[in-house]
C-alpha atoms as a PDB file:
ATOM      1  CA  MET A   1       0.000   0.000   0.000  1.00  0.00           C
ATOM      2  CA  GLU A   2       2.913   2.363   0.670  1.00  0.00           C
ATOM      3  CA  ASP A   3       3.881   2.215  -3.008  1.00  0.00           C
ATOM      4  CA  GLU A   4       0.376   2.771  -4.384  1.00  0.00           C
ATOM      5  CA  ILE A   5      -0.072   6.044  -6.241  1.00  0.00           C
ATOM      6  CA  LEU A   6      -3.543   6.368  -4.702  1.00  0.00           C
ATOM      7  CA  ARG A   7      -4.181   4.867  -1.277  1.00  0.00           C
ATOM      8  CA  CYS A   8      -7.684   3.971  -0.150  1.00  0.00           C
ATOM      9  CA  ASP A   9      -8.965   3.093   3.310  1.00  0.00           C
ATOM     10  CA  VAL A  10     -12.617   2.640   4.271  1.00  0.00           C
ATOM     11  CA  THR A  11     -13.623   2.923   7.927  1.00  0.00           C
ATOM     12  CA  ASP A  12     -17.150   3.279   9.318  1.00  0.00           C
ATOM     13  CA  GLY A  13     -18.598   4.231   5.956  1.00  0.00           C
ATOM     14  CA  VAL A  14     -15.939   6.874   5.211  1.00  0.00           C
ATOM     15  CA  ALA A  15     -13.495   6.282   2.363  1.00  0.00           C
ATOM     16  CA  ARG A  16     -10.205   8.165   2.607  1.00  0.00           C
ATOM     17  CA  LEU A  17      -8.383   8.558  -0.704  1.00  0.00           C
ATOM     18  CA  GLU A  18      -4.785   9.742  -0.414  1.00  0.00           C
ATOM     19  CA  MET A  19      -2.872  10.844  -3.485  1.00  0.00           C
ATOM     20  CA  ASN A  20       0.542   9.320  -2.877  1.00  0.00           C
ATOM     21  CA  ARG A  21       3.083  10.950  -5.133  1.00  0.00           C
ATOM     22  CA  PRO A  22       4.761  13.305  -2.663  1.00  0.00           C
ATOM     23  CA  GLY A  23       7.961  13.688  -4.679  1.00  0.00           C
ATOM     24  CA  LYS A  24       5.906  15.327  -7.436  1.00  0.00           C
ATOM     25  CA  LEU A  25       3.556  17.155  -5.043  1.00  0.00           C
ATOM     26  CA  ASN A  26       0.798  14.717  -6.044  1.00  0.00           C
ATOM     27  CA  ALA A  27       0.688  16.062  -9.589  1.00  0.00           C
ATOM     28  CA  LEU A  28      -2.136  14.764 -11.758  1.00  0.00           C
ATOM     29  CA  SER A  29      -0.058  12.510 -13.975  1.00  0.00           C
ATOM     30  CA  ASP A  30      -1.642  10.122 -16.462  1.00  0.00           C
ATOM     31  CA  ALA A  31      -1.342   7.389 -13.839  1.00  0.00           C
ATOM     32  CA  MET A  32      -2.878   9.534 -11.097  1.00  0.00           C
ATOM     33  CA  LEU A  33      -5.848  10.492 -13.253  1.00  0.00           C
ATOM     34  CA  ALA A  34      -6.393   6.841 -14.179  1.00  0.00           C
ATOM     35  CA  ALA A  35      -6.195   5.785 -10.535  1.00  0.00           C
ATOM     36  CA  LEU A  36      -8.623   8.499  -9.436  1.00  0.00           C
ATOM     37  CA  LYS A  37     -11.118   7.545 -12.125  1.00  0.00           C
ATOM     38  CA  SER A  38     -10.959   3.851 -11.307  1.00  0.00           C
ATOM     39  CA  LYS A  39     -11.252   4.325  -7.561  1.00  0.00           C
ATOM     40  CA  LEU A  40     -14.037   6.904  -7.742  1.00  0.00           C
ATOM     41  CA  VAL A  41     -16.075   4.618  -9.992  1.00  0.00           C
ATOM     42  CA  ALA A  42     -15.655   1.752  -7.519  1.00  0.00           C
ATOM     43  CA  LEU A  43     -16.513   3.881  -4.486  1.00  0.00           C
ATOM     44  CA  GLY A  44     -19.540   5.363  -6.219  1.00  0.00           C
ATOM     45  CA  GLU A  45     -20.945   1.869  -6.668  1.00  0.00           C
ATOM     46  CA  ASP A  46     -20.239   0.829  -3.075  1.00  0.00           C
ATOM     47  CA  ARG A  47     -23.407   1.375  -1.037  1.00  0.00           C
ATOM     48  CA  SER A  48     -21.493   0.909   2.210  1.00  0.00           C
ATOM     49  CA  VAL A  49     -19.448   4.061   1.504  1.00  0.00           C
ATOM     50  CA  ARG A  50     -21.312   7.145   2.721  1.00  0.00           C
ATOM     51  CA  VAL A  51     -18.624   9.844   2.450  1.00  0.00           C
ATOM     52  CA  ILE A  52     -15.329  10.239   0.552  1.00  0.00           C
ATOM     53  CA  ILE A  53     -12.331  12.277   1.732  1.00  0.00           C
ATOM     54  CA  LEU A  54      -9.681  13.249  -0.820  1.00  0.00           C
ATOM     55  CA  SER A  55      -6.253  14.209   0.530  1.00  0.00           C
ATOM     56  CA  GLY A  56      -2.597  14.261  -0.447  1.00  0.00           C
ATOM     57  CA  VAL A  57       0.518  12.715   1.107  1.00  0.00           C
ATOM     58  CA  GLY A  58       3.601  14.859   1.718  1.00  0.00           C
ATOM     59  CA  LYS A  59       4.085  18.608   1.559  1.00  0.00           C
ATOM     60  CA  ALA A  60       1.139  19.461  -0.678  1.00  0.00           C
ATOM     61  CA  PHE A  61      -2.379  18.513  -1.648  1.00  0.00           C
ATOM     62  CA  CYS A  62      -1.860  18.729  -5.419  1.00  0.00           C
ATOM     63  CA  ALA A  63       0.310  20.857  -7.694  1.00  0.00           C
ATOM     64  CA  GLY A  64      -1.826  20.373 -10.802  1.00  0.00           C
ATOM     65  CA  HIS A  65      -0.859  18.635 -14.009  1.00  0.00           C
ATOM     66  CA  ASP A  66       2.510  16.911 -14.394  1.00  0.00           C
ATOM     67  CA  LEU A  67       4.440  19.450 -16.485  1.00  0.00           C
ATOM     68  CA  GLY A  68       7.170  16.925 -17.291  1.00  0.00           C
ATOM     69  CA  GLU A  69       4.637  14.575 -18.843  1.00  0.00           C
ATOM     70  CA  MET A  70       3.056  17.467 -20.693  1.00  0.00           C
ATOM     71  CA  GLN A  71       6.369  18.462 -22.229  1.00  0.00           C
ATOM     72  CA  ALA A  72       6.955  14.869 -23.308  1.00  0.00           C
ATOM     73  CA  GLY A  73       3.496  14.820 -24.862  1.00  0.00           C
ATOM     74  CA  ARG A  74       4.305  17.984 -26.803  1.00  0.00           C
ATOM     75  CA  ALA A  75       7.084  16.112 -28.582  1.00  0.00           C
ATOM     76  CA  SER A  76       4.673  13.550 -29.990  1.00  0.00           C
ATOM     77  CA  ALA A  77       3.097  13.635 -33.441  1.00  0.00           C
ATOM     78  CA  ASP A  78       0.979  16.643 -34.499  1.00  0.00           C
ATOM     79  CA  LYS A  79       2.835  18.823 -31.992  1.00  0.00           C
ATOM     80  CA  GLY A  80       1.081  17.078 -29.157  1.00  0.00           C
ATOM     81  CA  ALA A  81      -2.425  18.313 -30.010  1.00  0.00           C
ATOM     82  CA  ALA A  82      -3.975  14.854 -29.745  1.00  0.00           C
ATOM     83  CA  TYR A  83      -2.191  14.142 -26.470  1.00  0.00           C
ATOM     84  CA  PHE A  84      -3.245  17.432 -24.904  1.00  0.00           C
ATOM     85  CA  ALA A  85      -6.856  17.068 -26.059  1.00  0.00           C
ATOM     86  CA  ASP A  86      -6.953  13.588 -24.538  1.00  0.00           C
ATOM     87  CA  LEU A  87      -5.255  14.732 -21.322  1.00  0.00           C
ATOM     88  CA  PHE A  88      -7.673  17.578 -20.681  1.00  0.00           C
ATOM     89  CA  ALA A  89     -10.638  15.369 -21.579  1.00  0.00           C
ATOM     90  CA  ARG A  90      -9.497  12.735 -19.067  1.00  0.00           C
ATOM     91  CA  CYS A  91      -8.969  15.367 -16.393  1.00  0.00           C
ATOM     92  CA  THR A  92     -12.399  16.875 -17.088  1.00  0.00           C
ATOM     93  CA  GLU A  93     -13.952  13.415 -16.787  1.00  0.00           C
ATOM     94  CA  VAL A  94     -12.491  12.998 -13.282  1.00  0.00           C
ATOM     95  CA  MET A  95     -13.581  16.489 -12.226  1.00  0.00           C
ATOM     96  CA  LEU A  96     -17.132  15.885 -13.445  1.00  0.00           C
ATOM     97  CA  MET A  97     -17.297  12.515 -11.694  1.00  0.00           C
ATOM     98  CA  ILE A  98     -16.929  14.095  -8.259  1.00  0.00           C
ATOM     99  CA  PRO A  99     -20.198  16.092  -8.135  1.00  0.00           C
ATOM    100  CA  ALA A 100     -21.929  13.207  -9.951  1.00  0.00           C
ATOM    101  CA  LEU A 101     -20.987  10.690  -7.241  1.00  0.00           C
ATOM    102  CA  PRO A 102     -23.813   9.783  -4.866  1.00  0.00           C
ATOM    103  CA  GLN A 103     -21.618  10.412  -1.809  1.00  0.00           C
ATOM    104  CA  PRO A 104     -20.397  13.796  -0.560  1.00  0.00           C
ATOM    105  CA  VAL A 105     -16.704  14.337  -1.346  1.00  0.00           C
ATOM    106  CA  ILE A 106     -14.577  16.422   1.023  1.00  0.00           C
ATOM    107  CA  ALA A 107     -11.192  17.795  -0.035  1.00  0.00           C
ATOM    108  CA  GLU A 108      -8.657  17.828   2.818  1.00  0.00           C
ATOM    109  CA  VAL A 109      -6.142  20.424   1.667  1.00  0.00           C
ATOM    110  CA  HIS A 110      -2.700  21.443   2.878  1.00  0.00           C
ATOM    111  CA  GLY A 111       0.438  23.011   1.453  1.00  0.00           C
ATOM    112  CA  ILE A 112      -0.596  24.112  -2.014  1.00  0.00           C
ATOM    113  CA  ALA A 113      -3.452  23.450  -4.405  1.00  0.00           C
ATOM    114  CA  THR A 114      -2.478  24.918  -7.740  1.00  0.00           C
ATOM    115  CA  ALA A 115      -3.884  24.889 -11.275  1.00  0.00           C
ATOM    116  CA  ALA A 116      -5.648  21.524 -11.749  1.00  0.00           C
ATOM    117  CA  GLY A 117      -5.059  20.917  -8.025  1.00  0.00           C
ATOM    118  CA  CYS A 118      -7.125  24.014  -7.255  1.00  0.00           C
ATOM    119  CA  GLN A 119      -9.646  22.743  -9.802  1.00  0.00           C
ATOM    120  CA  LEU A 120      -9.804  19.490  -7.859  1.00  0.00           C
ATOM    121  CA  VAL A 121     -10.660  21.363  -4.646  1.00  0.00           C
ATOM    122  CA  ALA A 122     -13.311  23.393  -6.458  1.00  0.00           C
ATOM    123  CA  SER A 123     -14.834  20.206  -7.880  1.00  0.00           C
ATOM    124  CA  CYS A 124     -15.330  18.632  -4.444  1.00  0.00           C
ATOM    125  CA  ASP A 125     -18.561  19.197  -2.547  1.00  0.00           C
ATOM    126  CA  MET A 126     -16.780  20.606   0.513  1.00  0.00           C
ATOM    127  CA  ALA A 127     -13.232  21.436   1.525  1.00  0.00           C
ATOM    128  CA  VAL A 128     -11.274  21.750   4.757  1.00  0.00           C
ATOM    129  CA  ALA A 129      -7.926  23.546   4.568  1.00  0.00           C
ATOM    130  CA  ALA A 130      -5.003  23.779   6.935  1.00  0.00           C
ATOM    131  CA  GLU A 131      -3.783  27.197   7.960  1.00  0.00           C
ATOM    132  CA  GLY A 132      -0.977  28.238   5.647  1.00  0.00           C
ATOM    133  CA  THR A 133      -2.420  26.485   2.592  1.00  0.00           C
ATOM    134  CA  ARG A 134      -2.123  28.457  -0.643  1.00  0.00           C
ATOM    135  CA  PHE A 135      -4.447  28.254  -3.627  1.00  0.00           C
ATOM    136  CA  GLY A 136      -3.694  29.393  -7.144  1.00  0.00           C
ATOM    137  CA  VAL A 137      -4.449  29.010 -10.831  1.00  0.00           C
ATOM    138  CA  ASN A 138      -0.956  30.047 -11.821  1.00  0.00           C
ATOM    139  CA  GLY A 139      -0.603  28.731 -15.349  1.00  0.00           C
ATOM    140  CA  VAL A 140      -0.481  32.258 -16.748  1.00  0.00           C
ATOM    141  CA  ASN A 141       2.945  32.625 -15.100  1.00  0.00           C
ATOM    142  CA  ILE A 142       4.362  30.059 -17.545  1.00  0.00           C
ATOM    143  CA  GLY A 143       2.267  31.174 -20.510  1.00  0.00           C
ATOM    144  CA  LEU A 144      -0.570  28.672 -20.062  1.00  0.00           C
ATOM    145  CA  PHE A 145      -3.909  30.179 -19.047  1.00  0.00           C
ATOM    146  CA  CYS A 146      -5.732  27.842 -16.641  1.00  0.00           C
ATOM    147  CA  SER A 147      -8.811  27.550 -18.844  1.00  0.00           C
ATOM    148  CA  THR A 148     -10.122  24.205 -17.600  1.00  0.00           C
ATOM    149  CA  PRO A 149      -9.460  24.946 -13.892  1.00  0.00           C
ATOM    150  CA  MET A 150     -11.339  28.199 -14.530  1.00  0.00           C
ATOM    151  CA  VAL A 151     -14.575  26.274 -15.136  1.00  0.00           C
ATOM    152  CA  ALA A 152     -14.703  24.814 -11.630  1.00  0.00           C
ATOM    153  CA  LEU A 153     -13.229  27.911  -9.963  1.00  0.00           C
ATOM    154  CA  THR A 154     -15.819  30.314 -11.415  1.00  0.00           C
ATOM    155  CA  ARG A 155     -18.571  28.061 -10.086  1.00  0.00           C
ATOM    156  CA  ASN A 156     -17.155  28.388  -6.563  1.00  0.00           C
ATOM    157  CA  ILE A 157     -16.071  31.995  -6.136  1.00  0.00           C
ATOM    158  CA  PRO A 158     -17.129  35.440  -7.454  1.00  0.00           C
ATOM    159  CA  ARG A 159     -16.122  36.221 -11.028  1.00  0.00           C
ATOM    160  CA  LYS A 160     -13.908  39.200 -10.345  1.00  0.00           C
ATOM    161  CA  ALA A 161     -11.923  37.313  -7.720  1.00  0.00           C
ATOM    162  CA  ALA A 162     -11.542  34.358 -10.082  1.00  0.00           C
ATOM    163  CA  PHE A 163     -10.470  36.592 -12.961  1.00  0.00           C
ATOM    164  CA  GLU A 164      -7.834  38.253 -10.796  1.00  0.00           C
ATOM    165  CA  MET A 165      -6.414  34.882  -9.733  1.00  0.00           C
ATOM    166  CA  LEU A 166      -6.390  33.610 -13.321  1.00  0.00           C
ATOM    167  CA  THR A 167      -4.775  36.678 -14.893  1.00  0.00           C
ATOM    168  CA  THR A 168      -2.257  37.608 -12.194  1.00  0.00           C
ATOM    169  CA  GLY A 169      -1.192  34.093 -11.251  1.00  0.00           C
ATOM    170  CA  THR A 170      -1.011  35.101  -7.597  1.00  0.00           C
ATOM    171  CA  PHE A 171      -1.849  32.830  -4.676  1.00  0.00           C
ATOM    172  CA  ILE A 172      -4.574  33.365  -2.130  1.00  0.00           C
ATOM    173  CA  ASP A 173      -4.268  32.045   1.414  1.00  0.00           C
ATOM    174  CA  ALA A 174      -6.659  29.685   3.160  1.00  0.00           C
ATOM    175  CA  GLU A 175      -8.524  32.457   4.968  1.00  0.00           C
ATOM    176  CA  ARG A 176      -9.143  34.306   1.702  1.00  0.00           C
ATOM    177  CA  ALA A 177     -10.222  31.038   0.066  1.00  0.00           C
ATOM    178  CA  GLN A 178     -12.742  30.529   2.856  1.00  0.00           C
ATOM    179  CA  ALA A 179     -14.054  34.094   2.557  1.00  0.00           C
ATOM    180  CA  LEU A 180     -14.561  33.602  -1.181  1.00  0.00           C
ATOM    181  CA  GLY A 181     -16.298  30.238  -0.742  1.00  0.00           C
ATOM    182  CA  LEU A 182     -13.644  27.899  -2.106  1.00  0.00           C
ATOM    183  CA  VAL A 183     -13.260  26.106   1.246  1.00  0.00           C
ATOM    184  CA  ASN A 184     -15.648  25.562   4.149  1.00  0.00           C
ATOM    185  CA  HIS A 185     -13.280  25.436   7.125  1.00  0.00           C
ATOM    186  CA  VAL A 186      -9.735  26.569   7.923  1.00  0.00           C
ATOM    187  CA  VAL A 187      -8.074  24.829  10.861  1.00  0.00           C
ATOM    188  CA  PRO A 188      -4.572  24.472  12.333  1.00  0.00           C
ATOM    189  CA  HIS A 189      -2.525  21.934  10.389  1.00  0.00           C
ATOM    190  CA  SER A 190      -2.319  19.717  13.461  1.00  0.00           C
ATOM    191  CA  ASP A 191      -6.132  19.512  13.537  1.00  0.00           C
ATOM    192  CA  LEU A 192      -6.687  19.037   9.807  1.00  0.00           C
ATOM    193  CA  ARG A 193      -7.283  15.300   9.705  1.00  0.00           C
ATOM    194  CA  ALA A 194      -9.339  15.214  12.896  1.00  0.00           C
ATOM    195  CA  HIS A 195     -11.544  18.070  11.738  1.00  0.00           C
ATOM    196  CA  THR A 196     -12.126  16.498   8.327  1.00  0.00           C
ATOM    197  CA  ASP A 197     -12.835  13.122   9.894  1.00  0.00           C
ATOM    198  CA  GLN A 198     -15.380  14.705  12.226  1.00  0.00           C
ATOM    199  CA  LEU A 199     -17.128  16.446   9.337  1.00  0.00           C
ATOM    200  CA  ALA A 200     -17.201  13.171   7.410  1.00  0.00           C
ATOM    201  CA  ALA A 201     -18.561  11.309  10.440  1.00  0.00           C
ATOM    202  CA  THR A 202     -21.343  13.876  10.798  1.00  0.00           C
ATOM    203  CA  LEU A 203     -22.375  13.320   7.177  1.00  0.00           C
ATOM    204  CA  ALA A 204     -22.044   9.543   7.446  1.00  0.00           C
ATOM    205  CA  ALA A 205     -24.484   9.522  10.373  1.00  0.00           C
ATOM    206  CA  LYS A 206     -27.295  10.994   8.265  1.00  0.00           C
ATOM    207  CA  LEU A 207     -29.810   8.916   6.300  1.00  0.00           C
ATOM    208  CA  SER A 208     -27.631   7.880   3.379  1.00  0.00           C
ATOM    209  CA  SER A 209     -30.420   7.782   0.813  1.00  0.00           C
ATOM    210  CA  ALA A 210     -31.515  11.306   1.772  1.00  0.00           C
ATOM    211  CA  VAL A 211     -27.982  12.657   1.348  1.00  0.00           C
ATOM    212  CA  ARG A 212     -27.660  10.884  -2.007  1.00  0.00           C
ATOM    213  CA  ILE A 213     -30.893  12.261  -3.431  1.00  0.00           C
ATOM    214  CA  GLY A 214     -30.087  15.632  -1.895  1.00  0.00           C
ATOM    215  CA  LYS A 215     -26.673  15.885  -3.525  1.00  0.00           C
ATOM    216  CA  GLN A 216     -28.068  14.960  -6.919  1.00  0.00           C
ATOM    217  CA  THR A 217     -30.843  17.525  -6.620  1.00  0.00           C
ATOM    218  CA  PHE A 218     -28.440  20.178  -5.332  1.00  0.00           C
ATOM    219  CA  TYR A 219     -26.461  20.149  -8.567  1.00  0.00           C
ATOM    220  CA  GLN A 220     -29.483  19.676 -10.821  1.00  0.00           C
ATOM    221  CA  GLN A 221     -31.406  22.660  -9.471  1.00  0.00           C
ATOM    222  CA  ALA A 222     -28.334  24.885  -9.608  1.00  0.00           C
ATOM    223  CA  GLU A 223     -28.438  24.705 -13.424  1.00  0.00           C
ATOM    224  CA  MET A 224     -32.141  25.643 -13.635  1.00  0.00           C
ATOM    225  CA  ASP A 225     -34.007  28.923 -13.441  1.00  0.00           C
ATOM    226  CA  VAL A 226     -35.757  29.577 -10.147  1.00  0.00           C
ATOM    227  CA  ALA A 227     -39.225  28.382 -11.138  1.00  0.00           C
ATOM    228  CA  ASP A 228     -37.941  25.138 -12.655  1.00  0.00           C
ATOM    229  CA  ALA A 229     -35.661  24.613  -9.668  1.00  0.00           C
ATOM    230  CA  TYR A 230     -38.579  24.870  -7.249  1.00  0.00           C
ATOM    231  CA  ALA A 231     -40.688  22.515  -9.350  1.00  0.00           C
ATOM    232  CA  HIS A 232     -37.928  19.936  -9.514  1.00  0.00           C
ATOM    233  CA  ALA A 233     -37.007  20.244  -5.836  1.00  0.00           C
ATOM    234  CA  GLY A 234     -40.656  19.975  -4.841  1.00  0.00           C
ATOM    235  CA  ALA A 235     -41.073  16.738  -6.786  1.00  0.00           C
ATOM    236  CA  VAL A 236     -37.962  15.329  -5.111  1.00  0.00           C
ATOM    237  CA  MET A 237     -39.290  16.258  -1.667  1.00  0.00           C
ATOM    238  CA  VAL A 238     -42.562  14.487  -2.411  1.00  0.00           C
ATOM    239  CA  GLU A 239     -40.616  11.341  -3.284  1.00  0.00           C
ATOM    240  CA  ASN A 240     -38.439  11.727  -0.193  1.00  0.00           C
ATOM    241  CA  MET A 241     -41.438  12.208   2.109  1.00  0.00           C
ATOM    242  CA  LEU A 242     -42.920   8.896   1.016  1.00  0.00           C
ATOM    243  CA  TRP A 243     -39.905   6.847   2.110  1.00  0.00           C
ATOM    244  CA  ARG A 244     -40.286   4.525   5.079  1.00  0.00           C
ATOM    245  CA  ASP A 245     -37.040   5.816   6.603  1.00  0.00           C
ATOM    246  CA  THR A 246     -38.194   9.431   6.327  1.00  0.00           C
ATOM    247  CA  GLU A 247     -41.455   8.589   8.074  1.00  0.00           C
ATOM    248  CA  GLU A 248     -39.403   6.863  10.783  1.00  0.00           C
ATOM    249  CA  GLY A 249     -37.077   9.864  11.074  1.00  0.00           C
ATOM    250  CA  ILE A 250     -39.987  12.259  11.591  1.00  0.00           C
ATOM    251  CA  SER A 251     -41.658   9.937  14.090  1.00  0.00           C
ATOM    252  CA  ALA A 252     -38.402   9.546  16.016  1.00  0.00           C
ATOM    253  CA  PHE A 253     -37.968  13.326  16.164  1.00  0.00           C
ATOM    254  CA  LEU A 254     -41.509  13.782  17.493  1.00  0.00           C
ATOM    255  CA  ASP A 255     -41.008  10.954  19.997  1.00  0.00           C
ATOM    256  CA  LYS A 256     -37.590  12.345  21.028  1.00  0.00           C
ATOM    257  CA  ARG A 257     -35.762   9.103  20.241  1.00  0.00           C
ATOM    258  CA  LYS A 258     -33.073   7.904  17.841  1.00  0.00           C
ATOM    259  CA  PRO A 259     -34.471   6.827  14.455  1.00  0.00           C
ATOM    260  CA  ASP A 260     -34.352   3.173  13.453  1.00  0.00           C
ATOM    261  CA  TRP A 261     -33.357   3.565   9.821  1.00  0.00           C
ATOM    262  CA  ALA A 262     -33.115   0.590   7.479  1.00  0.00           C
ATOM    263  CA  ASP A 263     -30.612   2.399   5.228  1.00  0.00           C
END
């Protein structure tokens, strides 16, 4: 397990995924992207997994794409166009998988999260960051505008703040990231894992089917106009209200007892 590029441990319904390429700051190499895709597919199909935590081993969460691999790809036929198109398509596939998963995904971030690493944080449902963590979409500093990371970033933080990050290539700190809405919590580095684990445990204790249908509806309604969003959300609530476990949850609340959920 020590040599695996992506470690996975499941305890009490919480899956912890650890990117394990510390010498490259957990860069999203071809192998890392493949490992993330494979593991996320498997976890998404595992009904016993209620929450997923995504973290990185070593000094950083994720430094983005592997620039060495990208330079090697440039040397291939057609000036690397086919390689780059495939690379960004594979990365996009992984990013889109995260909000599509039935379980909440929490990014546990430390050190740096840059370019596609920042995109990865923005793609997760929630994020907890250690004090001192820096976030950036810095590709412009080497002549590569972070166009694909921009998609996730601009759906997390205000446009002007995102545009400044993208065009100046400057970092923001964890407190600024929290103020903008990129992360939920900022904690001392020594408390990072414990805080993330506690958040995951809180989610895992909820009715799993309710969280699953809730996450799906959350992202669906966000793409609709207000009237359509209310209509869709209302239909989902009707379905939810008719569940046996929801009836039990309401009865337990009224009776001031712990619910006896089947799920």
